[in-house]
C-alpha atoms as a PDB file:
ATOM      1  CA  MET A   1     -21.327  -0.761  -3.468  1.00  0.00           C
ATOM      2  CA  ASN A   2     -19.789   2.667  -3.889  1.00  0.00           C
ATOM      3  CA  LEU A   3     -17.409   3.365  -1.013  1.00  0.00           C
ATOM      4  CA  VAL A   4     -16.731   6.950  -2.108  1.00  0.00           C
ATOM      5  CA  GLU A   5     -20.423   7.774  -1.791  1.00  0.00           C
ATOM      6  CA  LEU A   6     -20.578   6.036   1.610  1.00  0.00           C
ATOM      7  CA  ALA A   7     -17.655   8.157   2.854  1.00  0.00           C
ATOM      8  CA  GLN A   8     -19.326  11.339   1.564  1.00  0.00           C
ATOM      9  CA  ARG A   9     -22.573  10.428   3.319  1.00  0.00           C
ATOM     10  CA  ILE A  10     -20.782   9.978   6.628  1.00  0.00           C
ATOM     11  CA  ARG A  11     -19.089  13.368   6.271  1.00  0.00           C
ATOM     12  CA  SER A  12     -22.313  15.040   5.151  1.00  0.00           C
ATOM     13  CA  HIS A  13     -24.278  13.672   8.131  1.00  0.00           C
ATOM     14  CA  ARG A  14     -21.542  14.833  10.509  1.00  0.00           C
ATOM     15  CA  LEU A  15     -21.503  18.347   9.045  1.00  0.00           C
ATOM     16  CA  ASP A  16     -25.319  18.536   8.978  1.00  0.00           C
ATOM     17  CA  ARG A  17     -25.258  17.859  12.716  1.00  0.00           C
ATOM     18  CA  ARG A  18     -22.480  20.422  13.205  1.00  0.00           C
ATOM     19  CA  MET A  19     -20.272  17.809  14.835  1.00  0.00           C
ATOM     20  CA  THR A  20     -16.476  17.841  14.735  1.00  0.00           C
ATOM     21  CA  LEU A  21     -14.316  14.892  13.784  1.00  0.00           C
ATOM     22  CA  GLU A  22     -13.229  14.721  17.434  1.00  0.00           C
ATOM     23  CA  GLU A  23     -16.819  14.500  18.716  1.00  0.00           C
ATOM     24  CA  VAL A  24     -17.794  11.643  16.405  1.00  0.00           C
ATOM     25  CA  ALA A  25     -14.486   9.843  16.893  1.00  0.00           C
ATOM     26  CA  SER A  26     -14.777   9.949  20.683  1.00  0.00           C
ATOM     27  CA  ARG A  27     -18.341   8.582  20.514  1.00  0.00           C
ATOM     28  CA  THR A  28     -17.109   5.671  18.395  1.00  0.00           C
ATOM     29  CA  GLY A  29     -13.972   4.976  20.411  1.00  0.00           C
ATOM     30  CA  GLN A  30     -11.823   5.777  17.385  1.00  0.00           C
ATOM     31  CA  THR A  31      -9.285   8.509  16.698  1.00  0.00           C
ATOM     32  CA  ARG A  32      -9.847  11.746  14.782  1.00  0.00           C
ATOM     33  CA  SER A  33      -7.233  10.586  12.258  1.00  0.00           C
ATOM     34  CA  TRP A  34      -9.078   7.298  11.666  1.00  0.00           C
ATOM     35  CA  LEU A  35     -12.401   9.052  11.099  1.00  0.00           C
ATOM     36  CA  SER A  36     -10.768  11.576   8.770  1.00  0.00           C
ATOM     37  CA  LYS A  37      -9.387   8.678   6.696  1.00  0.00           C
ATOM     38  CA  VAL A  38     -12.872   7.145   6.565  1.00  0.00           C
ATOM     39  CA  GLU A  39     -14.393  10.426   5.344  1.00  0.00           C
ATOM     40  CA  ASN A  40     -11.625  10.879   2.772  1.00  0.00           C
ATOM     41  CA  PHE A  41     -12.142   7.267   1.557  1.00  0.00           C
ATOM     42  CA  ARG A  42      -8.592   6.302   2.494  1.00  0.00           C
ATOM     43  CA  ILE A  43      -9.852   3.389   4.606  1.00  0.00           C
ATOM     44  CA  THR A  44     -13.095   1.445   4.689  1.00  0.00           C
ATOM     45  CA  PRO A  45     -14.494   0.794   8.152  1.00  0.00           C
ATOM     46  CA  SER A  46     -15.797  -2.616   9.180  1.00  0.00           C
ATOM     47  CA  LEU A  47     -19.532  -3.135   9.499  1.00  0.00           C
ATOM     48  CA  PRO A  48     -19.395  -2.901  13.345  1.00  0.00           C
ATOM     49  CA  ALA A  49     -17.409   0.367  13.028  1.00  0.00           C
ATOM     50  CA  LEU A  50     -19.996   1.709  10.554  1.00  0.00           C
ATOM     51  CA  GLY A  51     -22.673   0.828  13.089  1.00  0.00           C
ATOM     52  CA  GLU A  52     -20.818   2.851  15.742  1.00  0.00           C
ATOM     53  CA  ILE A  53     -20.491   5.804  13.361  1.00  0.00           C
ATOM     54  CA  ALA A  54     -24.203   5.656  12.507  1.00  0.00           C
ATOM     55  CA  GLN A  55     -25.062   5.539  16.205  1.00  0.00           C
ATOM     56  CA  ALA A  56     -22.750   8.488  16.961  1.00  0.00           C
ATOM     57  CA  LEU A  57     -24.459  10.464  14.168  1.00  0.00           C
ATOM     58  CA  ASP A  58     -27.922   9.343  15.303  1.00  0.00           C
ATOM     59  CA  VAL A  59     -28.638   7.944  11.829  1.00  0.00           C
ATOM     60  CA  PRO A  60     -30.015   4.491  11.061  1.00  0.00           C
ATOM     61  CA  LEU A  61     -27.263   2.332   9.556  1.00  0.00           C
ATOM     62  CA  SER A  62     -29.621   1.479   6.699  1.00  0.00           C
ATOM     63  CA  GLU A  63     -29.746   5.181   5.754  1.00  0.00           C
ATOM     64  CA  LEU A  64     -25.980   5.210   5.162  1.00  0.00           C
ATOM     65  CA  PHE A  65     -26.361   2.304   2.710  1.00  0.00           C
ATOM     66  CA  GLU A  66     -29.652   3.324   1.089  1.00  0.00           C
ATOM     67  CA  GLY A  67     -29.438   3.298  -2.701  1.00  0.00           C
ATOM     68  CA  LEU A  68     -25.708   2.506  -2.851  1.00  0.00           C
ATOM     69  CA  ASP A  69     -26.434  -0.540  -5.009  1.00  0.00           C
ATOM     70  CA  GLU A  70     -28.646   1.282  -7.537  1.00  0.00           C
ATOM     71  CA  LYS A  71     -27.328   1.001 -11.082  1.00  0.00           C
ATOM     72  CA  PRO A  72     -29.236   3.053 -13.635  1.00  0.00           C
ATOM     73  CA  ALA A  73     -28.081   2.145 -17.127  1.00  0.00           C
ATOM     74  CA  LEU A  74     -27.293   5.765 -17.946  1.00  0.00           C
ATOM     75  CA  VAL A  75     -26.675   8.833 -15.823  1.00  0.00           C
ATOM     76  CA  LEU A  76     -26.098  12.324 -17.133  1.00  0.00           C
ATOM     77  CA  VAL A  77     -24.304  14.874 -14.968  1.00  0.00           C
ATOM     78  CA  ARG A  78     -24.353  18.388 -16.378  1.00  0.00           C
ATOM     79  CA  ARG A  79     -21.477  20.786 -15.682  1.00  0.00           C
ATOM     80  CA  ASP A  80     -23.516  22.668 -13.074  1.00  0.00           C
ATOM     81  CA  GLU A  81     -24.537  19.405 -11.365  1.00  0.00           C
ATOM     82  CA  ARG A  82     -21.021  18.278 -10.470  1.00  0.00           C
ATOM     83  CA  LYS A  83     -20.559  17.447  -6.819  1.00  0.00           C
ATOM     84  CA  THR A  84     -17.515  18.867  -5.044  1.00  0.00           C
ATOM     85  CA  VAL A  85     -16.052  16.477  -2.498  1.00  0.00           C
ATOM     86  CA  GLU A  86     -13.625  17.132   0.327  1.00  0.00           C
ATOM     87  CA  ARG A  87     -10.549  14.999  -0.051  1.00  0.00           C
ATOM     88  CA  ASP A  88      -7.307  15.507   1.869  1.00  0.00           C
ATOM     89  CA  ARG A  89      -8.019  19.241   2.014  1.00  0.00           C
ATOM     90  CA  SER A  90      -5.713  21.354   4.194  1.00  0.00           C
ATOM     91  CA  GLU A  91      -4.099  24.791   4.182  1.00  0.00           C
ATOM     92  CA  GLU A  92      -1.395  23.396   1.892  1.00  0.00           C
ATOM     93  CA  ASN A  93      -3.732  21.329  -0.298  1.00  0.00           C
ATOM     94  CA  THR A  94      -6.513  23.461  -1.761  1.00  0.00           C
ATOM     95  CA  SER A  95      -7.181  21.149  -4.704  1.00  0.00           C
ATOM     96  CA  VAL A  96     -10.835  20.858  -5.679  1.00  0.00           C
ATOM     97  CA  TYR A  97     -12.242  17.413  -6.483  1.00  0.00           C
ATOM     98  CA  GLU A  98     -15.436  17.305  -8.539  1.00  0.00           C
ATOM     99  CA  LEU A  99     -17.217  13.960  -8.672  1.00  0.00           C
ATOM    100  CA  LEU A 100     -18.437  13.413 -12.221  1.00  0.00           C
ATOM    101  CA  ALA A 101     -20.661  10.325 -11.816  1.00  0.00           C
ATOM    102  CA  HIS A 102     -22.341  10.836  -8.440  1.00  0.00           C
ATOM    103  CA  LYS A 103     -25.813  10.142  -9.812  1.00  0.00           C
ATOM    104  CA  ARG A 104     -24.976   6.450 -10.137  1.00  0.00           C
ATOM    105  CA  ALA A 105     -24.373   5.329  -6.572  1.00  0.00           C
ATOM    106  CA  SER A 106     -23.253   1.805  -7.429  1.00  0.00           C
ATOM    107  CA  ARG A 107     -20.375   2.175  -9.847  1.00  0.00           C
ATOM    108  CA  SER A 108     -17.089   0.387 -10.343  1.00  0.00           C
ATOM    109  CA  MET A 109     -15.212   3.546 -11.340  1.00  0.00           C
ATOM    110  CA  ASP A 110     -15.037   7.000  -9.754  1.00  0.00           C
ATOM    111  CA  PRO A 111     -14.207   9.770 -12.227  1.00  0.00           C
ATOM    112  CA  PHE A 112     -13.062  13.067 -10.701  1.00  0.00           C
ATOM    113  CA  LEU A 113     -11.998  16.372 -12.166  1.00  0.00           C
ATOM    114  CA  ILE A 114      -9.210  17.721  -9.977  1.00  0.00           C
ATOM    115  CA  THR A 115      -8.343  21.416 -10.143  1.00  0.00           C
ATOM    116  CA  ILE A 116      -4.901  22.017  -8.631  1.00  0.00           C
ATOM    117  CA  PRO A 117      -3.860  25.626  -8.002  1.00  0.00           C
ATOM    118  CA  PRO A 118      -0.215  26.661  -8.581  1.00  0.00           C
ATOM    119  CA  GLY A 119       2.153  25.546  -5.825  1.00  0.00           C
ATOM    120  CA  VAL A 120      -0.284  23.000  -4.358  1.00  0.00           C
ATOM    121  CA  ALA A 121       0.234  19.348  -3.453  1.00  0.00           C
ATOM    122  CA  ARG A 122      -1.298  16.756  -1.198  1.00  0.00           C
ATOM    123  CA  GLU A 123       0.805  16.681   1.979  1.00  0.00           C
ATOM    124  CA  GLU A 124       2.194  13.191   1.426  1.00  0.00           C
ATOM    125  CA  ALA A 125       2.221  10.443  -1.168  1.00  0.00           C
ATOM    126  CA  LEU A 126      -0.319   7.818  -0.118  1.00  0.00           C
ATOM    127  CA  PRO A 127      -1.245   4.359  -1.384  1.00  0.00           C
ATOM    128  CA  HIS A 128      -4.750   2.897  -1.571  1.00  0.00           C
ATOM    129  CA  PRO A 129      -6.234  -0.252  -3.080  1.00  0.00           C
ATOM    130  CA  GLY A 130      -7.188  -0.204  -6.736  1.00  0.00           C
ATOM    131  CA  GLU A 131      -6.078   1.337 -10.004  1.00  0.00           C
ATOM    132  CA  GLU A 132      -6.127   4.890 -11.353  1.00  0.00           C
ATOM    133  CA  PHE A 133      -6.049   6.657 -14.673  1.00  0.00           C
ATOM    134  CA  LEU A 134      -4.933  10.305 -14.928  1.00  0.00           C
ATOM    135  CA  PHE A 135      -5.298  12.643 -17.894  1.00  0.00           C
ATOM    136  CA  VAL A 136      -3.933  16.191 -17.731  1.00  0.00           C
ATOM    137  CA  GLU A 137      -6.565  18.379 -19.345  1.00  0.00           C
ATOM    138  CA  SER A 138      -4.729  21.681 -18.861  1.00  0.00           C
ATOM    139  CA  GLY A 139      -1.618  23.001 -17.178  1.00  0.00           C
ATOM    140  CA  ALA A 140       1.177  20.761 -15.940  1.00  0.00           C
ATOM    141  CA  VAL A 141       1.831  18.697 -12.809  1.00  0.00           C
ATOM    142  CA  ARG A 142       4.470  16.497 -11.310  1.00  0.00           C
ATOM    143  CA  PHE A 143       3.385  12.982 -10.440  1.00  0.00           C
ATOM    144  CA  GLU A 144       5.264  11.295  -7.602  1.00  0.00           C
ATOM    145  CA  TYR A 145       5.078   7.511  -7.678  1.00  0.00           C
ATOM    146  CA  ASP A 146       7.103   5.234  -5.453  1.00  0.00           C
ATOM    147  CA  GLY A 147       9.886   7.793  -5.034  1.00  0.00           C
ATOM    148  CA  GLU A 148      10.088   8.740  -8.730  1.00  0.00           C
ATOM    149  CA  THR A 149       8.809  12.016 -10.220  1.00  0.00           C
ATOM    150  CA  HIS A 150       7.279  12.373 -13.681  1.00  0.00           C
ATOM    151  CA  LYS A 151       6.351  15.693 -15.317  1.00  0.00           C
ATOM    152  CA  LEU A 152       2.973  15.574 -17.039  1.00  0.00           C
ATOM    153  CA  SER A 153       1.745  18.256 -19.424  1.00  0.00           C
ATOM    154  CA  ALA A 154      -1.638  18.869 -21.050  1.00  0.00           C
ATOM    155  CA  GLY A 155      -2.588  15.804 -23.088  1.00  0.00           C
ATOM    156  CA  ASP A 156      -0.406  13.361 -21.098  1.00  0.00           C
ATOM    157  CA  SER A 157      -1.958  10.395 -19.307  1.00  0.00           C
ATOM    158  CA  LEU A 158      -1.007   7.675 -16.833  1.00  0.00           C
ATOM    159  CA  TYR A 159      -2.481   4.359 -15.754  1.00  0.00           C
ATOM    160  CA  PHE A 160      -1.098   2.848 -12.556  1.00  0.00           C
ATOM    161  CA  ASP A 161      -1.563   0.556  -9.582  1.00  0.00           C
ATOM    162  CA  ALA A 162      -2.715   2.802  -6.747  1.00  0.00           C
ATOM    163  CA  ASN A 163      -1.346   0.544  -3.990  1.00  0.00           C
ATOM    164  CA  VAL A 164       2.000   2.324  -4.416  1.00  0.00           C
ATOM    165  CA  PRO A 165       2.432   5.720  -2.642  1.00  0.00           C
ATOM    166  CA  HIS A 166       1.594   8.508  -5.104  1.00  0.00           C
ATOM    167  CA  ARG A 167       0.530  12.141  -5.324  1.00  0.00           C
ATOM    168  CA  LEU A 168       0.078  15.058  -7.711  1.00  0.00           C
ATOM    169  CA  VAL A 169       2.104  18.245  -7.226  1.00  0.00           C
ATOM    170  CA  ASN A 170       1.554  21.483  -9.117  1.00  0.00           C
ATOM    171  CA  SER A 171       4.926  23.196  -8.787  1.00  0.00           C
ATOM    172  CA  PHE A 172       4.180  25.413 -11.774  1.00  0.00           C
ATOM    173  CA  LYS A 173       2.739  28.949 -12.100  1.00  0.00           C
ATOM    174  CA  LYS A 174      -0.544  27.946 -13.785  1.00  0.00           C
ATOM    175  CA  GLN A 175      -3.533  26.068 -12.430  1.00  0.00           C
ATOM    176  CA  ALA A 176      -3.769  22.445 -13.621  1.00  0.00           C
ATOM    177  CA  VAL A 177      -6.898  20.425 -14.319  1.00  0.00           C
ATOM    178  CA  VAL A 178      -6.581  16.640 -14.201  1.00  0.00           C
ATOM    179  CA  LEU A 179      -9.153  13.963 -14.955  1.00  0.00           C
ATOM    180  CA  CYS A 180      -8.729  11.097 -12.491  1.00  0.00           C
ATOM    181  CA  VAL A 181     -10.578   7.806 -12.858  1.00  0.00           C
ATOM    182  CA  PHE A 182     -10.294   5.582  -9.802  1.00  0.00           C
ATOM    183  CA  HIS A 183     -11.247   1.900  -9.741  1.00  0.00           C
ATOM    184  CA  ALA A 184     -11.315   0.192  -6.361  1.00  0.00           C
ATOM    185  CA  SER A 185     -10.293  -3.439  -6.209  1.00  0.00           C
ATOM    186  CA  GLY A 186     -13.222  -5.770  -5.879  1.00  0.00           C
ATOM    187  CA  ASN A 187     -15.808  -3.345  -7.292  1.00  0.00           C
END
């Protein structure tokens, strides 16, 4: 099952209903921070918690899961069909994440194209389960991993365990574009 797609569906249903994080969180008995982490696929809620979210959004639980196990043998996503996802976005972090394989709901990898403007970084280095692969397509970034910083330029790549706190920082004067392939443990 694709947890990234599940998180996006929750966020999409909330926005379609013009509800704030606070409204949905209070209806579920959870905090705004917890719900934000769910929507940004930083944590995966339990099945009872998903039921509470579905109820708060007035959506059948089955609708949140519908099609998440579909596995077409081949999916083609054209440049103009990429799906932009909200992930850890804030005033300081204006990075754009484009999901490159959204047409296959049940996938074991999540490839993203991340566009990072100059001077932008995620607010803090965060861990999550799984593994990641990064390839710098253009520009340059600094990669913070477990307290160490590595400069990556166009053509450089990394493969790492994502359960260690990490983040990308563009401290340079040019926009950077990074291919990120995420594999969640157990998928």
